[in-house]
C-alpha atoms as a PDB file:
ATOM      1  CA  MET A   1       0.867  19.985   3.220  1.00  0.00           C
ATOM      2  CA  HIS A   2      -2.800  20.629   3.892  1.00  0.00           C
ATOM      3  CA  GLY A   3      -4.316  23.519   5.303  1.00  0.00           C
ATOM      4  CA  THR A   4      -6.473  22.921   8.620  1.00  0.00           C
ATOM      5  CA  SER A   5      -9.646  24.367   7.434  1.00  0.00           C
ATOM      6  CA  HIS A   6     -11.637  26.299   4.797  1.00  0.00           C
ATOM      7  CA  HIS A   7     -14.665  27.816   4.397  1.00  0.00           C
ATOM      8  CA  ILE A   8     -17.750  25.865   3.009  1.00  0.00           C
ATOM      9  CA  GLY A   9     -20.453  27.368   1.208  1.00  0.00           C
ATOM     10  CA  LEU A  10     -22.307  27.340  -2.416  1.00  0.00           C
ATOM     11  CA  ASP A  11     -18.764  25.451  -3.452  1.00  0.00           C
ATOM     12  CA  THR A  12     -16.811  22.815  -1.434  1.00  0.00           C
ATOM     13  CA  HIS A  13     -13.566  25.058  -1.320  1.00  0.00           C
ATOM     14  CA  ASP A  14     -15.403  28.366  -0.768  1.00  0.00           C
ATOM     15  CA  TYR A  15     -13.433  31.488  -0.675  1.00  0.00           C
ATOM     16  CA  GLY A  16     -13.335  33.049   2.668  1.00  0.00           C
ATOM     17  CA  ILE A  17     -11.185  35.615   4.698  1.00  0.00           C
ATOM     18  CA  LEU A  18      -9.629  33.242   7.551  1.00  0.00           C
ATOM     19  CA  THR A  19      -8.591  36.742   9.330  1.00  0.00           C
ATOM     20  CA  GLU A  20     -11.930  37.848   9.675  1.00  0.00           C
ATOM     21  CA  PRO A  21     -14.176  36.825  12.879  1.00  0.00           C
ATOM     22  CA  MET A  22     -16.866  33.935  12.557  1.00  0.00           C
ATOM     23  CA  GLN A  23     -20.159  34.518  12.161  1.00  0.00           C
ATOM     24  CA  GLU A  24     -23.553  32.770  12.831  1.00  0.00           C
ATOM     25  CA  ASN A  25     -24.197  30.141  10.291  1.00  0.00           C
ATOM     26  CA  MET A  26     -20.461  30.115   8.497  1.00  0.00           C
ATOM     27  CA  ILE A  27     -19.724  26.706   7.990  1.00  0.00           C
ATOM     28  CA  PHE A  28     -15.709  25.717   8.217  1.00  0.00           C
ATOM     29  CA  THR A  29     -14.261  22.562   7.707  1.00  0.00           C
ATOM     30  CA  VAL A  30     -11.969  21.151  10.468  1.00  0.00           C
ATOM     31  CA  GLU A  31      -9.645  18.722   8.999  1.00  0.00           C
ATOM     32  CA  PRO A  32      -6.590  17.518  10.683  1.00  0.00           C
ATOM     33  CA  GLY A  33      -4.061  15.234   8.836  1.00  0.00           C
ATOM     34  CA  ILE A  34      -0.789  13.165   8.731  1.00  0.00           C
ATOM     35  CA  TYR A  35       1.549  12.934   5.898  1.00  0.00           C
ATOM     36  CA  ILE A  36       4.353  10.192   6.117  1.00  0.00           C
ATOM     37  CA  PRO A  37       6.212  11.142   2.635  1.00  0.00           C
ATOM     38  CA  GLU A  38       8.550   8.071   2.921  1.00  0.00           C
ATOM     39  CA  GLU A  39       5.685   5.746   3.069  1.00  0.00           C
ATOM     40  CA  GLY A  40       3.619   7.316   0.435  1.00  0.00           C
ATOM     41  CA  PHE A  41       0.891   7.747   2.895  1.00  0.00           C
ATOM     42  CA  GLY A  42      -1.425  10.535   4.364  1.00  0.00           C
ATOM     43  CA  ILE A  43      -4.750  10.807   6.111  1.00  0.00           C
ATOM     44  CA  ARG A  44      -6.986  13.311   7.127  1.00  0.00           C
ATOM     45  CA  LEU A  45     -10.196  13.615   9.176  1.00  0.00           C
ATOM     46  CA  GLU A  46     -12.892  16.063   8.472  1.00  0.00           C
ATOM     47  CA  ASP A  47     -15.720  17.765  10.392  1.00  0.00           C
ATOM     48  CA  ASP A  48     -17.702  20.446   9.125  1.00  0.00           C
ATOM     49  CA  LEU A  49     -18.969  22.746  11.727  1.00  0.00           C
ATOM     50  CA  VAL A  50     -21.454  25.614  11.586  1.00  0.00           C
ATOM     51  CA  ILE A  51     -21.400  28.540  13.757  1.00  0.00           C
ATOM     52  CA  GLN A  52     -23.909  29.053  16.228  1.00  0.00           C
ATOM     53  CA  LYS A  53     -25.269  32.029  17.868  1.00  0.00           C
ATOM     54  CA  SER A  54     -24.294  31.134  20.926  1.00  0.00           C
ATOM     55  CA  GLY A  55     -22.643  27.838  22.195  1.00  0.00           C
ATOM     56  CA  GLU A  56     -20.277  25.270  20.486  1.00  0.00           C
ATOM     57  CA  PRO A  57     -20.377  24.961  16.446  1.00  0.00           C
ATOM     58  CA  PHE A  58     -22.898  22.359  15.327  1.00  0.00           C
ATOM     59  CA  ASN A  59     -21.069  19.416  14.088  1.00  0.00           C
ATOM     60  CA  LEU A  60     -22.716  18.071  10.566  1.00  0.00           C
ATOM     61  CA  MET A  61     -20.560  15.093  10.601  1.00  0.00           C
ATOM     62  CA  ARG A  62     -21.255  14.188  14.254  1.00  0.00           C
ATOM     63  CA  ASN A  63     -23.052  10.859  13.474  1.00  0.00           C
ATOM     64  CA  ILE A  64     -20.247   9.572  10.853  1.00  0.00           C
ATOM     65  CA  PRO A  65     -18.103   6.755  12.288  1.00  0.00           C
ATOM     66  CA  ILE A  66     -14.316   7.806  12.289  1.00  0.00           C
ATOM     67  CA  GLU A  67     -12.858   5.326  15.064  1.00  0.00           C
ATOM     68  CA  ALA A  68     -11.462   2.010  13.386  1.00  0.00           C
ATOM     69  CA  ASP A  69     -13.551  -0.370  15.245  1.00  0.00           C
ATOM     70  CA  GLU A  70     -16.767   1.488  14.699  1.00  0.00           C
ATOM     71  CA  ILE A  71     -15.749   1.510  10.858  1.00  0.00           C
ATOM     72  CA  GLU A  72     -15.185  -2.341  10.918  1.00  0.00           C
ATOM     73  CA  ALA A  73     -18.254  -3.001  12.946  1.00  0.00           C
ATOM     74  CA  LEU A  74     -20.448  -0.856   9.997  1.00  0.00           C
ATOM     75  CA  MET A  75     -18.703  -3.243   7.541  1.00  0.00           C
ATOM     76  CA  ASN A  76     -19.122  -6.499   9.173  1.00  0.00           C
ATOM     77  CA  GLN A  77     -22.878  -6.020   9.316  1.00  0.00           C
END
């Protein structure tokens, strides 16, 4: 089992108290995953988000392809 999020800071897995409110300039991962133990397989997709003063969080991973067809096109260049 893998958690769905963690803080990012000076260390990749910085310790943070997840029950405290998010504040401007904090960075968190969002990493949903699926694991199929019977198949010995698992995958998760990670976005890293910066909390903004207002509006939606800024996605640091927004330009990284994650869809299969995007990755295949990139690999075929």
